[in-house]
């Protein structure tokens, strides 16, 4: 549990940043392992490799993991001990956030996210089909990104519904 005997705002900020970093160090390897398990589970679906490559790329491009951190922190306010299962449950928050970012980038027609190509622009660039126009490839990229985001949403709710965190 995070305890802060801080005297001033700067100490509180440093304590928060340290706790968030410690969470990210615990969270990221678990996330990567889970995505790897999903990649293996859906390996027989041809397009899944492309989707999971983009999911990993989006995750690796940054982000504070603030949602999952606050989820775990909220759990720790109720329970003294935060189990690994709570980290998995918090992962659903990050998966939903990624789903929303993908869809938001399509709506806003954002070509970049965190200094890297947005998922839809990455799909349009790397999955382009020779006889399609640029506009058609952009449309295909958006369609693929919507499906990738939807996959994240399904995975998040599947993960959350499989949890038995409160007991």
Foldseek 3Di string as FASTA:
>chain_A
DQDDPDDDPVSVVVSVLVLLVVLCVVQVVVLVVVLVVVCVVCVVPPCSVVLSVLVVVVPVLDDSLVQLSVQQVVVCVVPVDRDVLSSLLSVLVVLLVLLVQLLVCVVVVPQDDSRHGRQLNCQLVPVPDVVDDSVVSSVVSNVVSNVSSVVSNVVSVVSNVVGPRPD
